[in-house]
Amino acid sequence: MSAKNFLLLLLLCVSQRSIANSADNNAASPDRTAVTSHIPRESVASKVIASIGYSKRLHILEIQFVNGAVYRYRQVAPSVYRDLMAADSKARYYDANIKGNYPSLRVRPRVKQD
């Protein structure tokens, strides 16, 4: 094996090991992908939804459900937030207009009941 081929093989092995270590570190560190909410939420009267928050600047809607789960919805127009807050049934409005219609991300896992 020539010196040039040996160096190429060595470089390939080092690169693969570096990529594998990087993937392992990212998988072992969920904090890197965790979302921390800084959007204040307002309590609402609903049997399903506990609180709702909205960032006008980022167009992000956050909904905390009574089971403890918090979801963040992106690209939500201010009018959708206003209509949700004004709706007689927040859960029905959510089901009809928000759920499945916007990119979403779970912010915090569901709180388990004892």
PDB file of N, CA and C in Angstrom:
ATOM      1  N   MET A   1       0.861  -1.176   0.000  1.00  0.00           N
ATOM      2  CA  MET A   1       0.000   0.000   0.000  1.00  0.00           C
ATOM      3  C   MET A   1       0.901   1.231   0.000  1.00  0.00           C
ATOM      4  N   SER A   2       0.576   2.151  -0.866  1.00  0.00           N
ATOM      5  CA  SER A   2       1.391   3.357  -0.966  1.00  0.00           C
ATOM      6  C   SER A   2       1.095   4.286   0.217  1.00  0.00           C
ATOM      7  N   ALA A   3       2.004   5.200   0.480  1.00  0.00           N
ATOM      8  CA  ALA A   3       1.849   6.148   1.587  1.00  0.00           C
ATOM      9  C   ALA A   3       0.626   7.022   1.363  1.00  0.00           C
ATOM     10  N   LYS A   4       0.373   7.375   0.111  1.00  0.00           N
ATOM     11  CA  LYS A   4      -0.779   8.228  -0.204  1.00  0.00           C
ATOM     12  C   LYS A   4      -2.091   7.492   0.117  1.00  0.00           C
ATOM     13  N   ASN A   5      -2.186   6.231  -0.285  1.00  0.00           N
ATOM     14  CA  ASN A   5      -3.387   5.441  -0.001  1.00  0.00           C
ATOM     15  C   ASN A   5      -3.565   5.219   1.502  1.00  0.00           C
ATOM     16  N   PHE A   6      -2.460   5.002   2.194  1.00  0.00           N
ATOM     17  CA  PHE A   6      -2.514   4.814   3.640  1.00  0.00           C
ATOM     18  C   PHE A   6      -3.052   6.064   4.333  1.00  0.00           C
ATOM     19  N   LEU A   7      -2.578   7.226   3.921  1.00  0.00           N
ATOM     20  CA  LEU A   7      -3.038   8.480   4.513  1.00  0.00           C
ATOM     21  C   LEU A   7      -4.526   8.710   4.226  1.00  0.00           C
ATOM     22  N   LEU A   8      -4.963   8.391   3.019  1.00  0.00           N
ATOM     23  CA  LEU A   8      -6.381   8.533   2.677  1.00  0.00           C
ATOM     24  C   LEU A   8      -7.247   7.606   3.528  1.00  0.00           C
ATOM     25  N   LEU A   9      -6.792   6.365   3.706  1.00  0.00           N
ATOM     26  CA  LEU A   9      -7.525   5.407   4.537  1.00  0.00           C
ATOM     27  C   LEU A   9      -7.569   5.871   5.986  1.00  0.00           C
ATOM     28  N   LEU A  10      -6.469   6.368   6.494  1.00  0.00           N
ATOM     29  CA  LEU A  10      -6.411   6.870   7.859  1.00  0.00           C
ATOM     30  C   LEU A  10      -7.353   8.069   8.030  1.00  0.00           C
ATOM     31  N   LEU A  11      -7.358   8.977   7.087  1.00  0.00           N
ATOM     32  CA  LEU A  11      -8.238  10.137   7.132  1.00  0.00           C
ATOM     33  C   LEU A  11      -9.706   9.711   7.116  1.00  0.00           C
ATOM     34  N   LEU A  12     -10.030   8.730   6.297  1.00  0.00           N
ATOM     35  CA  LEU A  12     -11.395   8.226   6.227  1.00  0.00           C
ATOM     36  C   LEU A  12     -11.820   7.624   7.565  1.00  0.00           C
ATOM     37  N   CYS A  13     -10.961   6.827   8.176  1.00  0.00           N
ATOM     38  CA  CYS A  13     -11.286   6.215   9.477  1.00  0.00           C
ATOM     39  C   CYS A  13     -11.484   7.267  10.563  1.00  0.00           C
ATOM     40  N   VAL A  14     -10.623   8.262  10.599  1.00  0.00           N
ATOM     41  CA  VAL A  14     -10.729   9.320  11.600  1.00  0.00           C
ATOM     42  C   VAL A  14     -12.017  10.112  11.392  1.00  0.00           C
ATOM     43  N   SER A  15     -12.358  10.402  10.138  1.00  0.00           N
ATOM     44  CA  SER A  15     -13.588  11.137   9.844  1.00  0.00           C
ATOM     45  C   SER A  15     -14.818  10.362  10.281  1.00  0.00           C
ATOM     46  N   GLN A  16     -14.858   9.063   9.985  1.00  0.00           N
ATOM     47  CA  GLN A  16     -16.003   8.243  10.370  1.00  0.00           C
ATOM     48  C   GLN A  16     -16.143   8.164  11.886  1.00  0.00           C
ATOM     49  N   ARG A  17     -15.020   8.038  12.579  1.00  0.00           N
ATOM     50  CA  ARG A  17     -15.057   7.976  14.042  1.00  0.00           C
ATOM     51  C   ARG A  17     -15.550   9.297  14.622  1.00  0.00           C
ATOM     52  N   SER A  18     -15.113  10.409  14.040  1.00  0.00           N
ATOM     53  CA  SER A  18     -15.542  11.722  14.503  1.00  0.00           C
ATOM     54  C   SER A  18     -17.044  11.906  14.308  1.00  0.00           C
ATOM     55  N   ILE A  19     -17.564  11.479  13.165  1.00  0.00           N
ATOM     56  CA  ILE A  19     -18.996  11.576  12.903  1.00  0.00           C
ATOM     57  C   ILE A  19     -19.777  10.705  13.876  1.00  0.00           C
ATOM     58  N   ALA A  20     -19.301   9.487  14.129  1.00  0.00           N
ATOM     59  CA  ALA A  20     -19.977   8.578  15.059  1.00  0.00           C
ATOM     60  C   ALA A  20     -19.988   9.149  16.473  1.00  0.00           C
ATOM     61  N   ASN A  21     -18.872   9.718  16.909  1.00  0.00           N
ATOM     62  CA  ASN A  21     -18.817  10.321  18.243  1.00  0.00           C
ATOM     63  C   ASN A  21     -19.748  11.507  18.355  1.00  0.00           C
ATOM     64  N   SER A  22     -19.829  12.300  17.311  1.00  0.00           N
ATOM     65  CA  SER A  22     -20.725  13.457  17.308  1.00  0.00           C
ATOM     66  C   SER A  22     -22.173  13.015  17.414  1.00  0.00           C
ATOM     67  N   ALA A  23     -22.558  11.980  16.689  1.00  0.00           N
ATOM     68  CA  ALA A  23     -23.930  11.462  16.743  1.00  0.00           C
ATOM     69  C   ALA A  23     -24.232  10.897  18.125  1.00  0.00           C
ATOM     70  N   ASP A  24     -23.270  10.183  18.716  1.00  0.00           N
ATOM     71  CA  ASP A  24     -23.467   9.636  20.057  1.00  0.00           C
ATOM     72  C   ASP A  24     -23.641  10.739  21.085  1.00  0.00           C
ATOM     73  N   ASN A  25     -22.840  11.785  20.984  1.00  0.00           N
ATOM     74  CA  ASN A  25     -22.940  12.891  21.934  1.00  0.00           C
ATOM     75  C   ASN A  25     -24.273  13.610  21.822  1.00  0.00           C
ATOM     76  N   ASN A  26     -24.757  13.792  20.602  1.00  0.00           N
ATOM     77  CA  ASN A  26     -26.045  14.458  20.423  1.00  0.00           C
ATOM     78  C   ASN A  26     -27.184  13.602  20.940  1.00  0.00           C
ATOM     79  N   ALA A  27     -27.121  12.302  20.741  1.00  0.00           N
ATOM     80  CA  ALA A  27     -28.179  11.410  21.218  1.00  0.00           C
ATOM     81  C   ALA A  27     -28.167  11.323  22.733  1.00  0.00           C
ATOM     82  N   ALA A  28     -26.992  11.383  23.338  1.00  0.00           N
ATOM     83  CA  ALA A  28     -26.895  11.256  24.785  1.00  0.00           C
ATOM     84  C   ALA A  28     -27.206  12.555  25.504  1.00  0.00           C
ATOM     85  N   SER A  29     -27.346  13.633  24.771  1.00  0.00           N
ATOM     86  CA  SER A  29     -27.569  14.937  25.370  1.00  0.00           C
ATOM     87  C   SER A  29     -28.880  15.543  24.881  1.00  0.00           C
ATOM     88  N   PRO A  30     -30.016  15.135  25.485  1.00  0.00           N
ATOM     89  CA  PRO A  30     -31.296  15.661  25.025  1.00  0.00           C
ATOM     90  C   PRO A  30     -31.466  17.149  25.302  1.00  0.00           C
ATOM     91  N   ASP A  31     -30.639  17.721  26.179  1.00  0.00           N
ATOM     92  CA  ASP A  31     -30.752  19.145  26.484  1.00  0.00           C
ATOM     93  C   ASP A  31     -30.465  20.014  25.266  1.00  0.00           C
ATOM     94  N   ARG A  32     -29.704  19.498  24.319  1.00  0.00           N
ATOM     95  CA  ARG A  32     -29.381  20.287  23.128  1.00  0.00           C
ATOM     96  C   ARG A  32     -30.610  20.525  22.271  1.00  0.00           C
ATOM     97  N   THR A  33     -31.591  19.622  22.341  1.00  0.00           N
ATOM     98  CA  THR A  33     -32.783  19.767  21.516  1.00  0.00           C
ATOM     99  C   THR A  33     -33.994  20.175  22.346  1.00  0.00           C
ATOM    100  N   ALA A  34     -33.839  20.286  23.645  1.00  0.00           N
ATOM    101  CA  ALA A  34     -34.964  20.645  24.506  1.00  0.00           C
ATOM    102  C   ALA A  34     -35.376  22.095  24.253  1.00  0.00           C
ATOM    103  N   VAL A  35     -36.667  22.323  24.296  1.00  0.00           N
ATOM    104  CA  VAL A  35     -37.203  23.668  24.095  1.00  0.00           C
ATOM    105  C   VAL A  35     -37.620  24.217  25.446  1.00  0.00           C
ATOM    106  N   THR A  36     -37.105  25.367  25.793  1.00  0.00           N
ATOM    107  CA  THR A  36     -37.500  26.046  27.017  1.00  0.00           C
ATOM    108  C   THR A  36     -38.409  27.199  26.631  1.00  0.00           C
ATOM    109  N   SER A  37     -39.585  27.218  27.208  1.00  0.00           N
ATOM    110  CA  SER A  37     -40.551  28.250  26.868  1.00  0.00           C
ATOM    111  C   SER A  37     -40.337  29.493  27.710  1.00  0.00           C
ATOM    112  N   HIS A  38     -40.369  30.637  27.046  1.00  0.00           N
ATOM    113  CA  HIS A  38     -40.323  31.923  27.730  1.00  0.00           C
ATOM    114  C   HIS A  38     -41.566  32.735  27.387  1.00  0.00           C
ATOM    115  N   ILE A  39     -42.558  32.061  26.837  1.00  0.00           N
ATOM    116  CA  ILE A  39     -43.797  32.726  26.449  1.00  0.00           C
ATOM    117  C   ILE A  39     -44.786  32.618  27.605  1.00  0.00           C
ATOM    118  N   PRO A  40     -45.194  33.748  28.177  1.00  0.00           N
ATOM    119  CA  PRO A  40     -46.170  33.683  29.276  1.00  0.00           C
ATOM    120  C   PRO A  40     -47.502  33.155  28.758  1.00  0.00           C
ATOM    121  N   ARG A  41     -48.120  32.293  29.549  1.00  0.00           N
ATOM    122  CA  ARG A  41     -49.415  31.725  29.172  1.00  0.00           C
ATOM    123  C   ARG A  41     -50.475  32.196  30.150  1.00  0.00           C
ATOM    124  N   GLU A  42     -51.670  32.365  29.626  1.00  0.00           N
ATOM    125  CA  GLU A  42     -52.808  32.822  30.414  1.00  0.00           C
ATOM    126  C   GLU A  42     -53.759  31.643  30.630  1.00  0.00           C
ATOM    127  N   SER A  43     -54.191  31.443  31.864  1.00  0.00           N
ATOM    128  CA  SER A  43     -55.153  30.381  32.161  1.00  0.00           C
ATOM    129  C   SER A  43     -56.463  30.663  31.450  1.00  0.00           C
ATOM    130  N   VAL A  44     -57.097  29.592  30.977  1.00  0.00           N
ATOM    131  CA  VAL A  44     -58.378  29.722  30.288  1.00  0.00           C
ATOM    132  C   VAL A  44     -59.380  28.738  30.875  1.00  0.00           C
ATOM    133  N   ALA A  45     -60.667  29.055  30.695  1.00  0.00           N
ATOM    134  CA  ALA A  45     -61.737  28.178  31.159  1.00  0.00           C
ATOM    135  C   ALA A  45     -61.998  27.135  30.082  1.00  0.00           C
ATOM    136  N   SER A  46     -61.516  25.932  30.308  1.00  0.00           N
ATOM    137  CA  SER A  46     -61.693  24.838  29.354  1.00  0.00           C
ATOM    138  C   SER A  46     -61.471  23.526  30.084  1.00  0.00           C
ATOM    139  N   LYS A  47     -62.169  22.500  29.649  1.00  0.00           N
ATOM    140  CA  LYS A  47     -61.965  21.174  30.244  1.00  0.00           C
ATOM    141  C   LYS A  47     -60.748  20.477  29.657  1.00  0.00           C
ATOM    142  N   VAL A  48     -60.234  20.976  28.526  1.00  0.00           N
ATOM    143  CA  VAL A  48     -59.125  20.342  27.826  1.00  0.00           C
ATOM    144  C   VAL A  48     -57.850  21.187  27.856  1.00  0.00           C
ATOM    145  N   ILE A  49     -58.001  22.499  27.721  1.00  0.00           N
ATOM    146  CA  ILE A  49     -56.861  23.418  27.633  1.00  0.00           C
ATOM    147  C   ILE A  49     -56.720  24.178  28.947  1.00  0.00           C
ATOM    148  N   ALA A  50     -55.507  24.133  29.518  1.00  0.00           N
ATOM    149  CA  ALA A  50     -55.261  24.810  30.798  1.00  0.00           C
ATOM    150  C   ALA A  50     -54.837  26.261  30.600  1.00  0.00           C
ATOM    151  N   SER A  51     -53.935  26.506  29.635  1.00  0.00           N
ATOM    152  CA  SER A  51     -53.448  27.870  29.422  1.00  0.00           C
ATOM    153  C   SER A  51     -52.970  28.039  27.986  1.00  0.00           C
ATOM    154  N   ILE A  52     -52.947  29.313  27.564  1.00  0.00           N
ATOM    155  CA  ILE A  52     -52.565  29.649  26.195  1.00  0.00           C
ATOM    156  C   ILE A  52     -51.634  30.862  26.235  1.00  0.00           C
ATOM    157  N   GLY A  53     -50.577  30.820  25.428  1.00  0.00           N
ATOM    158  CA  GLY A  53     -49.667  31.948  25.297  1.00  0.00           C
ATOM    159  C   GLY A  53     -49.364  32.208  23.837  1.00  0.00           C
ATOM    160  N   TYR A  54     -48.977  33.436  23.535  1.00  0.00           N
ATOM    161  CA  TYR A  54     -48.689  33.795  22.144  1.00  0.00           C
ATOM    162  C   TYR A  54     -47.573  34.825  22.080  1.00  0.00           C
ATOM    163  N   SER A  55     -46.654  34.629  21.150  1.00  0.00           N
ATOM    164  CA  SER A  55     -45.603  35.602  20.880  1.00  0.00           C
ATOM    165  C   SER A  55     -45.934  36.299  19.569  1.00  0.00           C
ATOM    166  N   LYS A  56     -46.278  37.592  19.649  1.00  0.00           N
ATOM    167  CA  LYS A  56     -46.589  38.365  18.438  1.00  0.00           C
ATOM    168  C   LYS A  56     -45.362  38.491  17.543  1.00  0.00           C
ATOM    169  N   ARG A  57     -44.224  38.654  18.170  1.00  0.00           N
ATOM    170  CA  ARG A  57     -42.983  38.848  17.408  1.00  0.00           C
ATOM    171  C   ARG A  57     -42.597  37.598  16.623  1.00  0.00           C
ATOM    172  N   LEU A  58     -42.744  36.431  17.245  1.00  0.00           N
ATOM    173  CA  LEU A  58     -42.326  35.180  16.615  1.00  0.00           C
ATOM    174  C   LEU A  58     -43.474  34.410  15.952  1.00  0.00           C
ATOM    175  N   HIS A  59     -44.707  34.857  16.190  1.00  0.00           N
ATOM    176  CA  HIS A  59     -45.904  34.160  15.689  1.00  0.00           C
ATOM    177  C   HIS A  59     -45.939  32.712  16.170  1.00  0.00           C
ATOM    178  N   ILE A  60     -45.663  32.553  17.462  1.00  0.00           N
ATOM    179  CA  ILE A  60     -45.678  31.233  18.094  1.00  0.00           C
ATOM    180  C   ILE A  60     -46.823  31.178  19.095  1.00  0.00           C
ATOM    181  N   LEU A  61     -47.620  30.116  18.989  1.00  0.00           N
ATOM    182  CA  LEU A  61     -48.721  29.857  19.910  1.00  0.00           C
ATOM    183  C   LEU A  61     -48.332  28.676  20.776  1.00  0.00           C
ATOM    184  N   GLU A  62     -48.475  28.821  22.077  1.00  0.00           N
ATOM    185  CA  GLU A  62     -48.228  27.701  22.983  1.00  0.00           C
ATOM    186  C   GLU A  62     -49.510  27.375  23.722  1.00  0.00           C
ATOM    187  N   ILE A  63     -49.806  26.087  23.775  1.00  0.00           N
ATOM    188  CA  ILE A  63     -51.003  25.621  24.465  1.00  0.00           C
ATOM    189  C   ILE A  63     -50.594  24.563  25.480  1.00  0.00           C
ATOM    190  N   GLN A  64     -50.999  24.789  26.722  1.00  0.00           N
ATOM    191  CA  GLN A  64     -50.801  23.785  27.766  1.00  0.00           C
ATOM    192  C   GLN A  64     -52.145  23.113  27.996  1.00  0.00           C
ATOM    193  N   PHE A  65     -52.133  21.801  27.907  1.00  0.00           N
ATOM    194  CA  PHE A  65     -53.349  21.031  28.105  1.00  0.00           C
ATOM    195  C   PHE A  65     -53.483  20.634  29.568  1.00  0.00           C
ATOM    196  N   VAL A  66     -54.683  20.264  29.984  1.00  0.00           N
ATOM    197  CA  VAL A  66     -54.906  19.935  31.394  1.00  0.00           C
ATOM    198  C   VAL A  66     -54.102  18.707  31.818  1.00  0.00           C
ATOM    199  N   ASN A  67     -53.691  17.863  30.879  1.00  0.00           N
ATOM    200  CA  ASN A  67     -52.878  16.694  31.231  1.00  0.00           C
ATOM    201  C   ASN A  67     -51.406  17.055  31.438  1.00  0.00           C
ATOM    202  N   GLY A  68     -51.049  18.341  31.244  1.00  0.00           N
ATOM    203  CA  GLY A  68     -49.686  18.797  31.481  1.00  0.00           C
ATOM    204  C   GLY A  68     -48.856  18.959  30.220  1.00  0.00           C
ATOM    205  N   ALA A  69     -49.287  18.392  29.103  1.00  0.00           N
ATOM    206  CA  ALA A  69     -48.529  18.515  27.858  1.00  0.00           C
ATOM    207  C   ALA A  69     -48.589  19.953  27.345  1.00  0.00           C
ATOM    208  N   VAL A  70     -47.462  20.417  26.805  1.00  0.00           N
ATOM    209  CA  VAL A  70     -47.387  21.758  26.230  1.00  0.00           C
ATOM    210  C   VAL A  70     -46.917  21.617  24.789  1.00  0.00           C
ATOM    211  N   TYR A  71     -47.663  22.211  23.882  1.00  0.00           N
ATOM    212  CA  TYR A  71     -47.299  22.190  22.468  1.00  0.00           C
ATOM    213  C   TYR A  71     -47.093  23.600  21.967  1.00  0.00           C
ATOM    214  N   ARG A  72     -46.106  23.744  21.096  1.00  0.00           N
ATOM    215  CA  ARG A  72     -45.779  25.023  20.473  1.00  0.00           C
ATOM    216  C   ARG A  72     -46.132  24.908  18.989  1.00  0.00           C
ATOM    217  N   TYR A  73     -46.894  25.883  18.510  1.00  0.00           N
ATOM    218  CA  TYR A  73     -47.304  25.937  17.108  1.00  0.00           C
ATOM    219  C   TYR A  73     -46.678  27.163  16.470  1.00  0.00           C
ATOM    220  N   ARG A  74     -45.984  26.963  15.340  1.00  0.00           N
ATOM    221  CA  ARG A  74     -45.289  28.045  14.653  1.00  0.00           C
ATOM    222  C   ARG A  74     -46.125  28.592  13.502  1.00  0.00           C
ATOM    223  N   GLN A  75     -45.802  29.815  13.095  1.00  0.00           N
ATOM    224  CA  GLN A  75     -46.416  30.480  11.947  1.00  0.00           C
ATOM    225  C   GLN A  75     -47.918  30.712  12.141  1.00  0.00           C
ATOM    226  N   VAL A  76     -48.309  31.020  13.371  1.00  0.00           N
ATOM    227  CA  VAL A  76     -49.719  31.256  13.695  1.00  0.00           C
ATOM    228  C   VAL A  76     -49.983  32.769  13.650  1.00  0.00           C
ATOM    229  N   ALA A  77     -50.943  33.152  12.845  1.00  0.00           N
ATOM    230  CA  ALA A  77     -51.290  34.570  12.702  1.00  0.00           C
ATOM    231  C   ALA A  77     -51.920  35.090  13.994  1.00  0.00           C
ATOM    232  N   PRO A  78     -51.708  36.369  14.298  1.00  0.00           N
ATOM    233  CA  PRO A  78     -52.318  36.952  15.500  1.00  0.00           C
ATOM    234  C   PRO A  78     -53.842  36.800  15.529  1.00  0.00           C
ATOM    235  N   SER A  79     -54.472  36.832  14.354  1.00  0.00           N
ATOM    236  CA  SER A  79     -55.934  36.686  14.309  1.00  0.00           C
ATOM    237  C   SER A  79     -56.387  35.305  14.795  1.00  0.00           C
ATOM    238  N   VAL A  80     -55.588  34.282  14.551  1.00  0.00           N
ATOM    239  CA  VAL A  80     -55.931  32.933  15.021  1.00  0.00           C
ATOM    240  C   VAL A  80     -55.875  32.897  16.547  1.00  0.00           C
ATOM    241  N   TYR A  81     -54.838  33.508  17.112  1.00  0.00           N
ATOM    242  CA  TYR A  81     -54.734  33.589  18.575  1.00  0.00           C
ATOM    243  C   TYR A  81     -55.932  34.343  19.159  1.00  0.00           C
ATOM    244  N   ARG A  82     -56.264  35.493  18.577  1.00  0.00           N
ATOM    245  CA  ARG A  82     -57.406  36.284  19.074  1.00  0.00           C
ATOM    246  C   ARG A  82     -58.711  35.485  18.987  1.00  0.00           C
ATOM    247  N   ASP A  83     -58.909  34.799  17.858  1.00  0.00           N
ATOM    248  CA  ASP A  83     -60.129  34.004  17.687  1.00  0.00           C
ATOM    249  C   ASP A  83     -60.183  32.847  18.680  1.00  0.00           C
ATOM    250  N   LEU A  84     -59.040  32.233  18.947  1.00  0.00           N
ATOM    251  CA  LEU A  84     -58.988  31.147  19.935  1.00  0.00           C
ATOM    252  C   LEU A  84     -59.364  31.666  21.316  1.00  0.00           C
ATOM    253  N   MET A  85     -58.788  32.792  21.696  1.00  0.00           N
ATOM    254  CA  MET A  85     -59.068  33.344  23.019  1.00  0.00           C
ATOM    255  C   MET A  85     -60.529  33.785  23.151  1.00  0.00           C
ATOM    256  N   ALA A  86     -61.154  34.178  22.040  1.00  0.00           N
ATOM    257  CA  ALA A  86     -62.540  34.642  22.067  1.00  0.00           C
ATOM    258  C   ALA A  86     -63.553  33.505  21.900  1.00  0.00           C
ATOM    259  N   ALA A  87     -63.086  32.331  21.525  1.00  0.00           N
ATOM    260  CA  ALA A  87     -63.995  31.218  21.236  1.00  0.00           C
ATOM    261  C   ALA A  87     -64.729  30.762  22.497  1.00  0.00           C
ATOM    262  N   ASP A  88     -66.014  30.416  22.320  1.00  0.00           N
ATOM    263  CA  ASP A  88     -66.792  29.872  23.434  1.00  0.00           C
ATOM    264  C   ASP A  88     -66.213  28.538  23.878  1.00  0.00           C
ATOM    265  N   SER A  89     -65.815  27.707  22.915  1.00  0.00           N
ATOM    266  CA  SER A  89     -65.178  26.428  23.220  1.00  0.00           C
ATOM    267  C   SER A  89     -63.768  26.447  22.642  1.00  0.00           C
ATOM    268  N   LYS A  90     -62.804  26.611  23.509  1.00  0.00           N
ATOM    269  CA  LYS A  90     -61.404  26.668  23.076  1.00  0.00           C
ATOM    270  C   LYS A  90     -60.973  25.330  22.474  1.00  0.00           C
ATOM    271  N   ALA A  91     -61.453  24.238  23.063  1.00  0.00           N
ATOM    272  CA  ALA A  91     -61.084  22.909  22.572  1.00  0.00           C
ATOM    273  C   ALA A  91     -61.627  22.677  21.160  1.00  0.00           C
ATOM    274  N   ARG A  92     -62.871  23.072  20.916  1.00  0.00           N
ATOM    275  CA  ARG A  92     -63.454  22.908  19.575  1.00  0.00           C
ATOM    276  C   ARG A  92     -62.722  23.777  18.557  1.00  0.00           C
ATOM    277  N   TYR A  93     -62.409  25.019  18.930  1.00  0.00           N
ATOM    278  CA  TYR A  93     -61.677  25.899  18.028  1.00  0.00           C
ATOM    279  C   TYR A  93     -60.304  25.304  17.721  1.00  0.00           C
ATOM    280  N   TYR A  94     -59.630  24.799  18.758  1.00  0.00           N
ATOM    281  CA  TYR A  94     -58.317  24.174  18.582  1.00  0.00           C
ATOM    282  C   TYR A  94     -58.410  23.002  17.606  1.00  0.00           C
ATOM    283  N   ASP A  95     -59.368  22.119  17.822  1.00  0.00           N
ATOM    284  CA  ASP A  95     -59.516  20.950  16.950  1.00  0.00           C
ATOM    285  C   ASP A  95     -59.790  21.344  15.500  1.00  0.00           C
ATOM    286  N   ALA A  96     -60.616  22.351  15.300  1.00  0.00           N
ATOM    287  CA  ALA A  96     -61.031  22.732  13.953  1.00  0.00           C
ATOM    288  C   ALA A  96     -60.015  23.606  13.227  1.00  0.00           C
ATOM    289  N   ASN A  97     -59.238  24.402  13.955  1.00  0.00           N
ATOM    290  CA  ASN A  97     -58.417  25.428  13.302  1.00  0.00           C
ATOM    291  C   ASN A  97     -56.914  25.350  13.544  1.00  0.00           C
ATOM    292  N   ILE A  98     -56.486  24.638  14.563  1.00  0.00           N
ATOM    293  CA  ILE A  98     -55.062  24.654  14.900  1.00  0.00           C
ATOM    294  C   ILE A  98     -54.428  23.266  14.765  1.00  0.00           C
ATOM    295  N   LYS A  99     -54.996  22.293  15.407  1.00  0.00           N
ATOM    296  CA  LYS A  99     -54.442  20.931  15.411  1.00  0.00           C
ATOM    297  C   LYS A  99     -54.265  20.424  13.983  1.00  0.00           C
ATOM    298  N   GLY A 100     -53.037  20.080  13.632  1.00  0.00           N
ATOM    299  CA  GLY A 100     -52.732  19.554  12.311  1.00  0.00           C
ATOM    300  C   GLY A 100     -52.576  20.601  11.219  1.00  0.00           C
ATOM    301  N   ASN A 101     -52.822  21.870  11.529  1.00  0.00           N
ATOM    302  CA  ASN A 101     -52.734  22.920  10.519  1.00  0.00           C
ATOM    303  C   ASN A 101     -51.462  23.750  10.599  1.00  0.00           C
ATOM    304  N   TYR A 102     -50.687  23.588  11.671  1.00  0.00           N
ATOM    305  CA  TYR A 102     -49.467  24.367  11.865  1.00  0.00           C
ATOM    306  C   TYR A 102     -48.333  23.444  12.278  1.00  0.00           C
ATOM    307  N   PRO A 103     -47.090  23.803  11.916  1.00  0.00           N
ATOM    308  CA  PRO A 103     -45.949  23.025  12.404  1.00  0.00           C
ATOM    309  C   PRO A 103     -45.939  23.074  13.932  1.00  0.00           C
ATOM    310  N   SER A 104     -45.771  21.914  14.562  1.00  0.00           N
ATOM    311  CA  SER A 104     -45.840  21.886  16.022  1.00  0.00           C
ATOM    312  C   SER A 104     -44.654  21.148  16.616  1.00  0.00           C
ATOM    313  N   LEU A 105     -44.453  21.410  17.905  1.00  0.00           N
ATOM    314  CA  LEU A 105     -43.355  20.820  18.652  1.00  0.00           C
ATOM    315  C   LEU A 105     -43.816  20.649  20.086  1.00  0.00           C
ATOM    316  N   ARG A 106     -43.557  19.490  20.649  1.00  0.00           N
ATOM    317  CA  ARG A 106     -43.906  19.260  22.044  1.00  0.00           C
ATOM    318  C   ARG A 106     -42.851  19.933  22.911  1.00  0.00           C
ATOM    319  N   VAL A 107     -43.293  20.810  23.798  1.00  0.00           N
ATOM    320  CA  VAL A 107     -42.371  21.582  24.627  1.00  0.00           C
ATOM    321  C   VAL A 107     -42.013  20.827  25.891  1.00  0.00           C
ATOM    322  N   ARG A 108     -42.950  20.199  26.486  1.00  0.00           N
ATOM    323  CA  ARG A 108     -42.708  19.495  27.747  1.00  0.00           C
ATOM    324  C   ARG A 108     -43.534  18.216  27.735  1.00  0.00           C
ATOM    325  N   PRO A 109     -42.979  17.116  28.218  1.00  0.00           N
ATOM    326  CA  PRO A 109     -43.746  15.875  28.195  1.00  0.00           C
ATOM    327  C   PRO A 109     -44.939  15.928  29.135  1.00  0.00           C
ATOM    328  N   ARG A 110     -45.897  15.090  28.866  1.00  0.00           N
ATOM    329  CA  ARG A 110     -47.101  14.989  29.659  1.00  0.00           C
ATOM    330  C   ARG A 110     -46.760  14.633  31.107  1.00  0.00           C
ATOM    331  N   VAL A 111     -47.432  15.259  32.048  1.00  0.00           N
ATOM    332  CA  VAL A 111     -47.252  14.968  33.476  1.00  0.00           C
ATOM    333  C   VAL A 111     -48.068  13.725  33.801  1.00  0.00           C
ATOM    334  N   LYS A 112     -47.412  12.708  34.343  1.00  0.00           N
ATOM    335  CA  LYS A 112     -48.106  11.457  34.650  1.00  0.00           C
ATOM    336  C   LYS A 112     -48.859  11.565  35.968  1.00  0.00           C
ATOM    337  N   GLN A 113     -50.054  11.033  35.977  1.00  0.00           N
ATOM    338  CA  GLN A 113     -50.895  11.033  37.182  1.00  0.00           C
ATOM    339  C   GLN A 113     -50.476   9.875  38.087  1.00  0.00           C
ATOM    340  N   ASP A 114     -50.567  10.053  39.387  1.00  0.00           N
ATOM    341  CA  ASP A 114     -50.225   8.972  40.338  1.00  0.00           C
ATOM    342  C   ASP A 114     -51.369   7.994  40.476  1.00  0.00           C
TER     343      ASP A 114
END
